[in-house]
Amino acid sequence: MSQNRNVVPGTEGYSAQAGSLVDSYESVVFDELYRPLLELLPTGGKALDVGAGTGRDAAALAQRDFQVHAVEPTAELRSHAQRLHPDANIVWVDDSLPDLAQVHASGERFDLILMTAVWMHLDESDRARALPQVAGLLASSGRVFMTVRKGPVPTGRRMFEVPIDPLVSQAQSLGLTLLRQHEFADMLGRRDVSWSMLAFEKENRV
């Protein structure tokens, strides 16, 4: 069976289910989800929300005085996001990991890069490619917040197990210092799903 060449790997299933995902995504509150990291959140600046989905987190960052580039490769999710969260401080970008080519072409550097429920969509080789691309988009002392899913793969989705120790080791090799790691239960109540939350900071190198 041939694969749809227009589908970005990792986004399988989201286009067809976009409408039904809105309520569940929007039911999670940014401040509750990222409560363990809020004290580490930069005070405004430029933010990149990778895999922005329905725009929930991008909107929360915009309300905190960030200028947000919200990356979402699924057109249907972008459409819902722009309808739900119209905000002049959010720029929507059709781009994707592992390369984030459009974002790199913009020349922007970010004080915060947010990746909520994204990393598990990349296989091992794509993750190895993606992290240097992410690190290269950080401003001096910029921070990365990410959540990584653990649990069975839903039907029709593309997901992979993400070992945390190799992720941290690769990040450190790229000059990203681990500031905090937090394990937590699924906020949508799925008993077989849990999450790791990680915060990194880019080292200042002369």
N, C-alpha and C. Protein backbone atom coordinates (compact mmCIF):
# COMPACT_ATOMS: atom_id res chain seq x y z
N MET A 1 0.86 -1.18 0.00
CA MET A 1 0.00 0.00 0.00
C MET A 1 0.90 1.23 0.00
N SER A 2 0.68 2.14 -0.93
CA SER A 2 1.55 3.30 -1.04
C SER A 2 1.23 4.33 0.02
N GLN A 3 2.26 5.04 0.47
CA GLN A 3 2.10 6.05 1.49
C GLN A 3 1.81 7.40 0.84
N ASN A 4 0.96 8.18 1.48
CA ASN A 4 0.65 9.52 1.00
C ASN A 4 1.89 10.39 1.19
N ARG A 5 2.48 10.80 0.08
CA ARG A 5 3.72 11.57 0.14
C ARG A 5 3.52 12.96 0.73
N ASN A 6 2.26 13.41 0.79
CA ASN A 6 1.99 14.74 1.32
C ASN A 6 1.88 14.76 2.84
N VAL A 7 1.86 13.58 3.45
CA VAL A 7 1.74 13.50 4.90
C VAL A 7 3.12 13.53 5.54
N VAL A 8 3.33 14.50 6.44
CA VAL A 8 4.59 14.58 7.16
C VAL A 8 4.66 13.41 8.13
N PRO A 9 5.74 12.61 8.10
CA PRO A 9 5.86 11.48 9.03
C PRO A 9 5.66 11.94 10.47
N GLY A 10 4.78 11.22 11.17
CA GLY A 10 4.46 11.57 12.54
C GLY A 10 3.11 12.25 12.68
N THR A 11 2.59 12.78 11.55
CA THR A 11 1.29 13.46 11.62
C THR A 11 0.14 12.55 11.20
N GLU A 12 0.45 11.30 10.90
CA GLU A 12 -0.59 10.37 10.46
C GLU A 12 -1.75 10.32 11.46
N GLY A 13 -2.96 10.42 10.95
CA GLY A 13 -4.15 10.32 11.79
C GLY A 13 -4.67 11.65 12.29
N TYR A 14 -3.83 12.66 12.35
CA TYR A 14 -4.26 13.93 12.93
C TYR A 14 -5.17 14.73 12.01
N SER A 15 -4.94 14.64 10.71
CA SER A 15 -5.76 15.39 9.77
C SER A 15 -7.22 14.96 9.85
N ALA A 16 -7.44 13.65 9.77
CA ALA A 16 -8.81 13.13 9.78
C ALA A 16 -9.49 13.33 11.12
N GLN A 17 -8.72 13.37 12.20
CA GLN A 17 -9.29 13.45 13.55
C GLN A 17 -9.23 14.85 14.15
N ALA A 18 -8.80 15.83 13.37
CA ALA A 18 -8.57 17.17 13.91
C ALA A 18 -9.78 17.71 14.66
N GLY A 19 -10.95 17.60 14.06
CA GLY A 19 -12.15 18.14 14.70
C GLY A 19 -12.46 17.52 16.03
N SER A 20 -12.25 16.21 16.14
CA SER A 20 -12.56 15.51 17.39
C SER A 20 -11.50 15.71 18.45
N LEU A 21 -10.32 16.18 18.04
CA LEU A 21 -9.24 16.38 19.00
C LEU A 21 -9.29 17.73 19.70
N VAL A 22 -10.04 18.66 19.13
CA VAL A 22 -10.03 20.03 19.65
C VAL A 22 -10.42 20.08 21.12
N ASP A 23 -11.53 19.47 21.48
CA ASP A 23 -12.02 19.57 22.86
C ASP A 23 -11.04 18.97 23.86
N SER A 24 -10.46 17.80 23.53
CA SER A 24 -9.54 17.17 24.47
C SER A 24 -8.25 17.98 24.61
N TYR A 25 -7.72 18.51 23.51
CA TYR A 25 -6.51 19.32 23.58
C TYR A 25 -6.75 20.60 24.37
N GLU A 26 -7.86 21.25 24.10
CA GLU A 26 -8.14 22.53 24.75
C GLU A 26 -8.55 22.36 26.21
N SER A 27 -8.88 21.15 26.62
CA SER A 27 -9.27 20.92 28.02
C SER A 27 -8.07 20.95 28.96
N VAL A 28 -6.88 20.80 28.42
CA VAL A 28 -5.66 20.85 29.23
C VAL A 28 -5.18 22.29 29.30
N VAL A 29 -4.94 22.77 30.51
CA VAL A 29 -4.53 24.16 30.72
C VAL A 29 -3.00 24.25 30.79
N PHE A 30 -2.43 25.17 30.02
CA PHE A 30 -0.97 25.31 29.96
C PHE A 30 -0.35 25.45 31.35
N ASP A 31 -0.90 26.31 32.18
CA ASP A 31 -0.31 26.55 33.50
C ASP A 31 -0.36 25.32 34.39
N GLU A 32 -1.36 24.47 34.19
CA GLU A 32 -1.45 23.23 34.97
C GLU A 32 -0.47 22.19 34.42
N LEU A 33 -0.40 22.08 33.11
CA LEU A 33 0.49 21.11 32.49
C LEU A 33 1.95 21.42 32.84
N TYR A 34 2.34 22.67 32.67
CA TYR A 34 3.74 23.05 32.85
C TYR A 34 4.03 23.65 34.23
N ARG A 35 3.15 23.40 35.20
CA ARG A 35 3.35 23.94 36.54
C ARG A 35 4.74 23.60 37.11
N PRO A 36 5.27 22.36 36.91
CA PRO A 36 6.59 22.05 37.47
C PRO A 36 7.73 22.88 36.87
N LEU A 37 7.47 23.54 35.73
CA LEU A 37 8.53 24.29 35.06
C LEU A 37 8.28 25.80 35.03
N LEU A 38 7.16 26.26 35.56
CA LEU A 38 6.79 27.66 35.40
C LEU A 38 7.85 28.61 35.95
N GLU A 39 8.51 28.24 37.03
CA GLU A 39 9.53 29.13 37.60
C GLU A 39 10.75 29.24 36.67
N LEU A 40 10.87 28.30 35.72
CA LEU A 40 11.98 28.33 34.76
C LEU A 40 11.60 29.03 33.46
N LEU A 41 10.35 29.44 33.33
CA LEU A 41 9.87 30.05 32.10
C LEU A 41 10.50 31.43 31.92
N PRO A 42 11.13 31.71 30.78
CA PRO A 42 11.67 33.05 30.56
C PRO A 42 10.55 34.11 30.65
N THR A 43 10.94 35.33 30.97
CA THR A 43 9.97 36.42 31.07
C THR A 43 9.84 37.10 29.72
N GLY A 44 8.90 36.62 28.92
CA GLY A 44 8.69 37.18 27.59
C GLY A 44 9.84 36.86 26.65
N GLY A 45 9.83 37.53 25.49
CA GLY A 45 10.83 37.26 24.47
C GLY A 45 10.21 36.57 23.28
N LYS A 46 11.02 35.79 22.58
CA LYS A 46 10.54 35.04 21.41
C LYS A 46 10.42 33.57 21.75
N ALA A 47 9.30 32.97 21.36
CA ALA A 47 9.05 31.56 21.64
C ALA A 47 8.72 30.82 20.35
N LEU A 48 9.13 29.57 20.29
CA LEU A 48 8.81 28.67 19.18
C LEU A 48 8.03 27.50 19.75
N ASP A 49 6.81 27.32 19.29
CA ASP A 49 5.98 26.20 19.73
C ASP A 49 5.94 25.20 18.57
N VAL A 50 6.65 24.09 18.73
CA VAL A 50 6.78 23.08 17.67
C VAL A 50 5.70 22.02 17.85
N GLY A 51 4.90 21.80 16.82
CA GLY A 51 3.77 20.89 16.94
C GLY A 51 2.67 21.55 17.76
N ALA A 52 2.28 22.75 17.34
CA ALA A 52 1.43 23.61 18.16
C ALA A 52 -0.03 23.15 18.22
N GLY A 53 -0.43 22.22 17.36
CA GLY A 53 -1.77 21.65 17.45
C GLY A 53 -2.86 22.68 17.34
N THR A 54 -3.72 22.75 18.35
CA THR A 54 -4.86 23.67 18.34
C THR A 54 -4.49 25.06 18.86
N GLY A 55 -3.22 25.28 19.16
CA GLY A 55 -2.78 26.61 19.55
C GLY A 55 -2.91 26.94 21.01
N ARG A 56 -3.29 25.96 21.81
CA ARG A 56 -3.49 26.18 23.25
C ARG A 56 -2.26 26.79 23.92
N ASP A 57 -1.09 26.16 23.71
CA ASP A 57 0.13 26.61 24.38
C ASP A 57 0.66 27.90 23.75
N ALA A 58 0.54 28.01 22.44
CA ALA A 58 0.97 29.25 21.77
C ALA A 58 0.19 30.44 22.31
N ALA A 59 -1.11 30.26 22.51
CA ALA A 59 -1.94 31.34 23.04
C ALA A 59 -1.54 31.70 24.47
N ALA A 60 -1.24 30.68 25.28
CA ALA A 60 -0.82 30.93 26.66
C ALA A 60 0.50 31.70 26.70
N LEU A 61 1.41 31.37 25.79
CA LEU A 61 2.69 32.08 25.73
C LEU A 61 2.49 33.52 25.24
N ALA A 62 1.62 33.70 24.25
CA ALA A 62 1.35 35.04 23.75
C ALA A 62 0.78 35.92 24.86
N GLN A 63 -0.05 35.34 25.71
CA GLN A 63 -0.62 36.09 26.83
C GLN A 63 0.43 36.45 27.88
N ARG A 64 1.57 35.74 27.84
CA ARG A 64 2.68 36.03 28.75
C ARG A 64 3.73 36.91 28.07
N ASP A 65 3.32 37.61 27.04
CA ASP A 65 4.17 38.60 26.36
C ASP A 65 5.26 37.99 25.50
N PHE A 66 5.09 36.76 25.07
CA PHE A 66 6.01 36.19 24.08
C PHE A 66 5.52 36.53 22.67
N GLN A 67 6.47 36.72 21.76
CA GLN A 67 6.18 36.72 20.33
C GLN A 67 6.37 35.28 19.87
N VAL A 68 5.29 34.64 19.43
CA VAL A 68 5.30 33.19 19.23
C VAL A 68 5.29 32.84 17.75
N HIS A 69 6.22 31.97 17.35
CA HIS A 69 6.15 31.27 16.08
C HIS A 69 5.58 29.89 16.38
N ALA A 70 4.40 29.61 15.86
CA ALA A 70 3.71 28.35 16.13
C ALA A 70 3.80 27.45 14.91
N VAL A 71 4.53 26.36 15.03
CA VAL A 71 4.76 25.43 13.93
C VAL A 71 3.76 24.28 14.01
N GLU A 72 2.98 24.11 12.95
CA GLU A 72 2.03 23.00 12.90
C GLU A 72 1.89 22.54 11.44
N PRO A 73 2.33 21.30 11.14
CA PRO A 73 2.29 20.82 9.76
C PRO A 73 0.93 20.32 9.28
N THR A 74 0.00 20.10 10.21
CA THR A 74 -1.32 19.59 9.82
C THR A 74 -2.27 20.76 9.57
N ALA A 75 -2.67 20.95 8.33
CA ALA A 75 -3.46 22.12 7.94
C ALA A 75 -4.76 22.22 8.72
N GLU A 76 -5.39 21.08 8.97
CA GLU A 76 -6.68 21.09 9.67
C GLU A 76 -6.52 21.58 11.11
N LEU A 77 -5.45 21.18 11.78
CA LEU A 77 -5.20 21.66 13.14
C LEU A 77 -4.86 23.15 13.13
N ARG A 78 -4.05 23.58 12.16
CA ARG A 78 -3.73 25.01 12.05
C ARG A 78 -5.00 25.84 11.88
N SER A 79 -5.92 25.34 11.08
CA SER A 79 -7.16 26.07 10.84
C SER A 79 -7.96 26.24 12.13
N HIS A 80 -8.09 25.15 12.89
CA HIS A 80 -8.78 25.24 14.18
C HIS A 80 -8.06 26.21 15.12
N ALA A 81 -6.74 26.14 15.13
CA ALA A 81 -5.95 26.98 16.03
C ALA A 81 -6.13 28.46 15.73
N GLN A 82 -6.10 28.80 14.45
CA GLN A 82 -6.24 30.20 14.08
C GLN A 82 -7.65 30.73 14.37
N ARG A 83 -8.62 29.83 14.31
CA ARG A 83 -9.99 30.23 14.67
C ARG A 83 -10.14 30.39 16.18
N LEU A 84 -9.56 29.47 16.94
CA LEU A 84 -9.72 29.48 18.39
C LEU A 84 -8.88 30.54 19.08
N HIS A 85 -7.69 30.82 18.51
CA HIS A 85 -6.74 31.69 19.20
C HIS A 85 -6.19 32.77 18.26
N PRO A 86 -7.05 33.65 17.77
CA PRO A 86 -6.56 34.74 16.93
C PRO A 86 -5.77 35.72 17.79
N ASP A 87 -4.52 35.87 17.51
CA ASP A 87 -3.66 36.72 18.33
C ASP A 87 -2.55 37.28 17.45
N ALA A 88 -2.39 38.58 17.48
CA ALA A 88 -1.37 39.22 16.65
C ALA A 88 0.04 38.81 17.04
N ASN A 89 0.20 38.27 18.24
CA ASN A 89 1.52 37.85 18.72
C ASN A 89 1.88 36.42 18.31
N ILE A 90 1.01 35.77 17.53
CA ILE A 90 1.27 34.41 17.06
C ILE A 90 1.40 34.41 15.55
N VAL A 91 2.53 33.91 15.06
CA VAL A 91 2.76 33.71 13.63
C VAL A 91 2.69 32.21 13.36
N TRP A 92 1.82 31.79 12.46
CA TRP A 92 1.66 30.37 12.16
C TRP A 92 2.57 29.94 11.02
N VAL A 93 3.24 28.81 11.20
CA VAL A 93 4.23 28.34 10.25
C VAL A 93 3.94 26.89 9.88
N ASP A 94 3.86 26.61 8.59
CA ASP A 94 3.70 25.24 8.09
C ASP A 94 5.09 24.64 7.95
N ASP A 95 5.53 23.93 8.96
CA ASP A 95 6.89 23.38 9.00
C ASP A 95 6.87 22.14 9.89
N SER A 96 7.97 21.42 9.93
CA SER A 96 7.98 20.19 10.72
C SER A 96 9.40 19.77 11.07
N LEU A 97 9.51 18.98 12.11
CA LEU A 97 10.74 18.29 12.45
C LEU A 97 10.93 17.15 11.45
N PRO A 98 12.16 16.68 11.23
CA PRO A 98 13.36 16.98 12.03
C PRO A 98 14.12 18.23 11.61
N ASP A 99 13.79 18.86 10.48
CA ASP A 99 14.66 19.92 9.97
C ASP A 99 14.22 21.34 10.31
N LEU A 100 12.90 21.56 10.47
CA LEU A 100 12.38 22.90 10.72
C LEU A 100 13.00 23.91 9.72
N ALA A 101 12.95 23.53 8.47
CA ALA A 101 13.64 24.30 7.43
C ALA A 101 13.11 25.72 7.31
N GLN A 102 11.78 25.90 7.39
CA GLN A 102 11.20 27.23 7.26
C GLN A 102 11.62 28.13 8.42
N VAL A 103 11.64 27.57 9.61
CA VAL A 103 12.02 28.36 10.79
C VAL A 103 13.48 28.76 10.69
N HIS A 104 14.34 27.82 10.31
CA HIS A 104 15.76 28.15 10.16
C HIS A 104 15.96 29.23 9.10
N ALA A 105 15.19 29.15 8.02
CA ALA A 105 15.33 30.13 6.95
C ALA A 105 14.95 31.54 7.40
N SER A 106 14.11 31.64 8.43
CA SER A 106 13.68 32.95 8.93
C SER A 106 14.81 33.68 9.65
N GLY A 107 15.80 32.94 10.13
CA GLY A 107 16.91 33.55 10.85
C GLY A 107 16.58 33.90 12.29
N GLU A 108 15.40 33.57 12.77
CA GLU A 108 15.00 33.88 14.14
C GLU A 108 15.74 32.98 15.14
N ARG A 109 15.97 33.53 16.33
CA ARG A 109 16.47 32.74 17.46
C ARG A 109 15.52 32.95 18.63
N PHE A 110 15.36 31.92 19.44
CA PHE A 110 14.27 31.91 20.40
C PHE A 110 14.75 31.77 21.84
N ASP A 111 14.05 32.48 22.73
CA ASP A 111 14.33 32.38 24.16
C ASP A 111 13.70 31.13 24.76
N LEU A 112 12.66 30.62 24.12
CA LEU A 112 11.98 29.41 24.58
C LEU A 112 11.55 28.60 23.37
N ILE A 113 11.83 27.30 23.41
CA ILE A 113 11.29 26.37 22.42
C ILE A 113 10.47 25.34 23.17
N LEU A 114 9.22 25.22 22.78
CA LEU A 114 8.27 24.33 23.44
C LEU A 114 7.93 23.18 22.49
N MET A 115 8.02 21.95 22.99
CA MET A 115 7.64 20.78 22.19
C MET A 115 6.77 19.88 23.07
N THR A 116 5.46 20.07 22.97
CA THR A 116 4.50 19.32 23.78
C THR A 116 4.00 18.12 22.99
N ALA A 117 4.27 16.91 23.49
CA ALA A 117 3.76 15.69 22.86
C ALA A 117 4.16 15.58 21.39
N VAL A 118 5.44 15.84 21.12
CA VAL A 118 5.95 15.83 19.75
C VAL A 118 7.05 14.80 19.55
N TRP A 119 7.96 14.71 20.50
CA TRP A 119 9.20 13.97 20.30
C TRP A 119 8.98 12.50 20.00
N MET A 120 7.92 11.90 20.53
CA MET A 120 7.67 10.46 20.34
C MET A 120 7.19 10.14 18.92
N HIS A 121 6.90 11.18 18.12
CA HIS A 121 6.51 10.95 16.72
C HIS A 121 7.71 10.74 15.81
N LEU A 122 8.91 10.97 16.31
CA LEU A 122 10.13 10.84 15.52
C LEU A 122 10.82 9.53 15.83
N ASP A 123 11.29 8.83 14.79
CA ASP A 123 12.05 7.61 15.04
C ASP A 123 13.47 8.00 15.48
N GLU A 124 14.26 7.00 15.80
CA GLU A 124 15.57 7.26 16.40
C GLU A 124 16.46 8.12 15.51
N SER A 125 16.48 7.83 14.21
CA SER A 125 17.34 8.60 13.31
C SER A 125 16.84 10.04 13.16
N ASP A 126 15.53 10.22 13.11
CA ASP A 126 14.99 11.57 13.01
C ASP A 126 15.23 12.36 14.29
N ARG A 127 15.15 11.69 15.44
CA ARG A 127 15.44 12.39 16.71
C ARG A 127 16.89 12.85 16.75
N ALA A 128 17.79 12.00 16.25
CA ALA A 128 19.21 12.36 16.24
C ALA A 128 19.45 13.57 15.34
N ARG A 129 18.69 13.68 14.24
CA ARG A 129 18.80 14.82 13.34
C ARG A 129 18.14 16.06 13.91
N ALA A 130 17.03 15.85 14.62
CA ALA A 130 16.19 16.97 15.02
C ALA A 130 16.79 17.79 16.16
N LEU A 131 17.40 17.14 17.13
CA LEU A 131 17.84 17.87 18.31
C LEU A 131 18.89 18.94 17.99
N PRO A 132 19.87 18.68 17.11
CA PRO A 132 20.78 19.76 16.74
C PRO A 132 20.07 20.92 16.05
N GLN A 133 19.03 20.62 15.27
CA GLN A 133 18.27 21.68 14.62
C GLN A 133 17.55 22.54 15.65
N VAL A 134 17.00 21.89 16.66
CA VAL A 134 16.32 22.62 17.73
C VAL A 134 17.32 23.46 18.51
N ALA A 135 18.45 22.85 18.90
CA ALA A 135 19.46 23.57 19.67
C ALA A 135 19.98 24.79 18.91
N GLY A 136 20.09 24.66 17.59
CA GLY A 136 20.60 25.74 16.78
C GLY A 136 19.67 26.93 16.67
N LEU A 137 18.41 26.75 17.09
CA LEU A 137 17.44 27.84 17.04
C LEU A 137 17.34 28.61 18.35
N LEU A 138 18.08 28.18 19.35
CA LEU A 138 18.01 28.83 20.66
C LEU A 138 18.90 30.07 20.71
N ALA A 139 18.37 31.11 21.34
CA ALA A 139 19.19 32.27 21.66
C ALA A 139 20.10 31.90 22.83
N SER A 140 21.07 32.76 23.11
CA SER A 140 21.95 32.55 24.25
C SER A 140 21.13 32.41 25.53
N SER A 141 21.40 31.35 26.29
CA SER A 141 20.66 31.02 27.52
C SER A 141 19.20 30.68 27.27
N GLY A 142 18.85 30.38 26.01
CA GLY A 142 17.49 29.97 25.70
C GLY A 142 17.17 28.62 26.31
N ARG A 143 15.89 28.35 26.48
CA ARG A 143 15.45 27.12 27.15
C ARG A 143 14.52 26.30 26.26
N VAL A 144 14.57 24.99 26.46
CA VAL A 144 13.68 24.05 25.78
C VAL A 144 12.83 23.36 26.83
N PHE A 145 11.52 23.40 26.66
CA PHE A 145 10.60 22.62 27.48
C PHE A 145 9.99 21.56 26.56
N MET A 146 9.96 20.32 27.02
CA MET A 146 9.35 19.27 26.20
C MET A 146 8.67 18.22 27.07
N THR A 147 7.61 17.62 26.53
CA THR A 147 6.98 16.47 27.17
C THR A 147 7.08 15.29 26.22
N VAL A 148 7.37 14.12 26.79
CA VAL A 148 7.57 12.90 26.01
C VAL A 148 6.60 11.83 26.50
N ARG A 149 5.83 11.29 25.59
CA ARG A 149 4.79 10.32 25.91
C ARG A 149 5.34 8.92 26.08
N LYS A 150 4.78 8.19 27.05
CA LYS A 150 5.08 6.77 27.23
C LYS A 150 3.76 6.01 27.23
N GLY A 151 3.70 4.92 26.46
CA GLY A 151 2.47 4.15 26.43
C GLY A 151 2.22 3.57 25.06
N PRO A 152 1.16 2.77 24.91
CA PRO A 152 0.87 2.11 23.64
C PRO A 152 0.54 3.10 22.54
N VAL A 153 0.83 2.70 21.32
CA VAL A 153 0.60 3.56 20.15
C VAL A 153 -0.86 3.44 19.72
N PRO A 154 -1.58 4.56 19.66
CA PRO A 154 -2.97 4.50 19.19
C PRO A 154 -3.05 4.03 17.74
N THR A 155 -4.14 3.39 17.40
CA THR A 155 -4.35 2.91 16.04
C THR A 155 -4.27 4.08 15.05
N GLY A 156 -3.49 3.86 13.98
CA GLY A 156 -3.40 4.87 12.93
C GLY A 156 -2.38 5.95 13.18
N ARG A 157 -1.66 5.88 14.30
CA ARG A 157 -0.65 6.90 14.62
C ARG A 157 0.75 6.34 14.45
N ARG A 158 1.72 7.22 14.32
CA ARG A 158 3.13 6.86 14.22
C ARG A 158 3.83 7.39 15.47
N MET A 159 4.22 6.48 16.34
CA MET A 159 4.89 6.86 17.58
C MET A 159 5.98 5.85 17.91
N PHE A 160 6.95 6.28 18.70
CA PHE A 160 8.08 5.43 19.07
C PHE A 160 8.40 5.61 20.55
N GLU A 161 8.98 4.57 21.13
CA GLU A 161 9.48 4.68 22.49
C GLU A 161 10.70 5.60 22.49
N VAL A 162 10.75 6.51 23.44
CA VAL A 162 11.86 7.46 23.54
C VAL A 162 12.59 7.25 24.86
N PRO A 163 13.75 6.59 24.85
CA PRO A 163 14.53 6.45 26.08
C PRO A 163 15.03 7.83 26.52
N ILE A 164 14.85 8.17 27.77
CA ILE A 164 15.16 9.51 28.24
C ILE A 164 16.66 9.73 28.42
N ASP A 165 17.38 8.74 28.92
CA ASP A 165 18.81 8.93 29.18
C ASP A 165 19.59 9.29 27.91
N PRO A 166 19.39 8.59 26.77
CA PRO A 166 20.10 9.00 25.55
C PRO A 166 19.70 10.39 25.07
N LEU A 167 18.45 10.77 25.29
CA LEU A 167 17.99 12.10 24.92
C LEU A 167 18.76 13.16 25.72
N VAL A 168 18.87 12.93 27.02
CA VAL A 168 19.59 13.88 27.88
C VAL A 168 21.07 13.93 27.49
N SER A 169 21.65 12.77 27.19
CA SER A 169 23.07 12.73 26.81
C SER A 169 23.32 13.49 25.52
N GLN A 170 22.45 13.30 24.52
CA GLN A 170 22.62 14.03 23.26
C GLN A 170 22.45 15.53 23.50
N ALA A 171 21.47 15.90 24.30
CA ALA A 171 21.26 17.31 24.59
C ALA A 171 22.50 17.93 25.24
N GLN A 172 23.09 17.22 26.18
CA GLN A 172 24.28 17.72 26.85
C GLN A 172 25.45 17.88 25.87
N SER A 173 25.55 16.96 24.90
CA SER A 173 26.62 17.05 23.91
C SER A 173 26.45 18.26 23.01
N LEU A 174 25.23 18.81 22.96
CA LEU A 174 24.93 19.99 22.13
C LEU A 174 24.95 21.27 22.95
N GLY A 175 25.41 21.18 24.19
CA GLY A 175 25.47 22.36 25.04
C GLY A 175 24.17 22.71 25.72
N LEU A 176 23.28 21.71 25.88
CA LEU A 176 22.02 21.92 26.58
C LEU A 176 22.09 21.27 27.95
N THR A 177 21.98 22.06 28.98
CA THR A 177 22.05 21.56 30.36
C THR A 177 20.65 21.20 30.85
N LEU A 178 20.52 20.01 31.43
CA LEU A 178 19.23 19.59 31.99
C LEU A 178 18.96 20.36 33.28
N LEU A 179 17.88 21.13 33.29
CA LEU A 179 17.50 21.90 34.48
C LEU A 179 16.53 21.15 35.36
N ARG A 180 15.65 20.38 34.74
CA ARG A 180 14.64 19.67 35.54
C ARG A 180 14.05 18.52 34.73
N GLN A 181 13.72 17.44 35.44
CA GLN A 181 13.01 16.31 34.85
C GLN A 181 11.88 15.95 35.79
N HIS A 182 10.69 15.74 35.23
CA HIS A 182 9.50 15.49 36.03
C HIS A 182 8.67 14.41 35.34
N GLU A 183 8.26 13.41 36.10
CA GLU A 183 7.40 12.34 35.57
C GLU A 183 5.97 12.59 36.05
N PHE A 184 4.99 12.41 35.17
CA PHE A 184 3.62 12.67 35.59
C PHE A 184 2.62 11.81 34.83
N ALA A 185 1.45 11.64 35.42
CA ALA A 185 0.38 10.84 34.83
C ALA A 185 -0.30 11.62 33.71
N ASP A 186 -1.00 10.90 32.85
CA ASP A 186 -1.69 11.51 31.73
C ASP A 186 -2.82 12.41 32.22
N MET A 187 -2.86 13.64 31.72
CA MET A 187 -3.86 14.61 32.18
C MET A 187 -5.23 14.39 31.53
N LEU A 188 -5.29 13.49 30.54
CA LEU A 188 -6.58 13.14 29.95
C LEU A 188 -7.13 11.85 30.54
N GLY A 189 -6.47 11.35 31.59
CA GLY A 189 -6.99 10.21 32.33
C GLY A 189 -6.74 8.85 31.72
N ARG A 190 -5.84 8.76 30.73
CA ARG A 190 -5.54 7.46 30.13
C ARG A 190 -4.57 6.71 31.05
N ARG A 191 -5.02 5.59 31.61
CA ARG A 191 -4.25 4.90 32.64
C ARG A 191 -2.98 4.25 32.11
N ASP A 192 -2.97 3.94 30.82
CA ASP A 192 -1.79 3.27 30.25
C ASP A 192 -0.80 4.26 29.64
N VAL A 193 -1.04 5.56 29.83
CA VAL A 193 -0.17 6.59 29.28
C VAL A 193 0.42 7.42 30.41
N SER A 194 1.72 7.68 30.33
CA SER A 194 2.38 8.59 31.27
C SER A 194 3.37 9.44 30.49
N TRP A 195 3.99 10.40 31.18
CA TRP A 195 4.80 11.40 30.49
C TRP A 195 6.06 11.74 31.25
N SER A 196 7.08 12.14 30.51
CA SER A 196 8.26 12.78 31.08
C SER A 196 8.28 14.23 30.61
N MET A 197 8.60 15.12 31.53
CA MET A 197 8.73 16.54 31.21
C MET A 197 10.18 16.95 31.47
N LEU A 198 10.77 17.62 30.49
CA LEU A 198 12.18 17.98 30.58
C LEU A 198 12.36 19.47 30.29
N ALA A 199 13.30 20.09 31.01
CA ALA A 199 13.68 21.47 30.74
C ALA A 199 15.18 21.54 30.56
N PHE A 200 15.63 22.14 29.45
CA PHE A 200 17.05 22.31 29.16
C PHE A 200 17.36 23.80 28.99
N GLU A 201 18.60 24.15 29.22
CA GLU A 201 19.06 25.52 28.97
C GLU A 201 20.32 25.50 28.13
N LYS A 202 20.38 26.37 27.15
CA LYS A 202 21.56 26.46 26.30
C LYS A 202 22.69 27.15 27.04
N GLU A 203 23.85 26.49 27.06
CA GLU A 203 25.00 27.07 27.74
C GLU A 203 25.49 28.29 26.99
N ASN A 204 25.98 29.24 27.77
CA ASN A 204 26.65 30.40 27.17
C ASN A 204 28.07 30.01 26.84
N ARG A 205 28.40 29.98 25.56
CA ARG A 205 29.77 29.61 25.16
C ARG A 205 30.43 30.79 24.46
N VAL A 206 31.58 31.16 24.93
CA VAL A 206 32.31 32.29 24.36
C VAL A 206 33.00 31.84 23.08
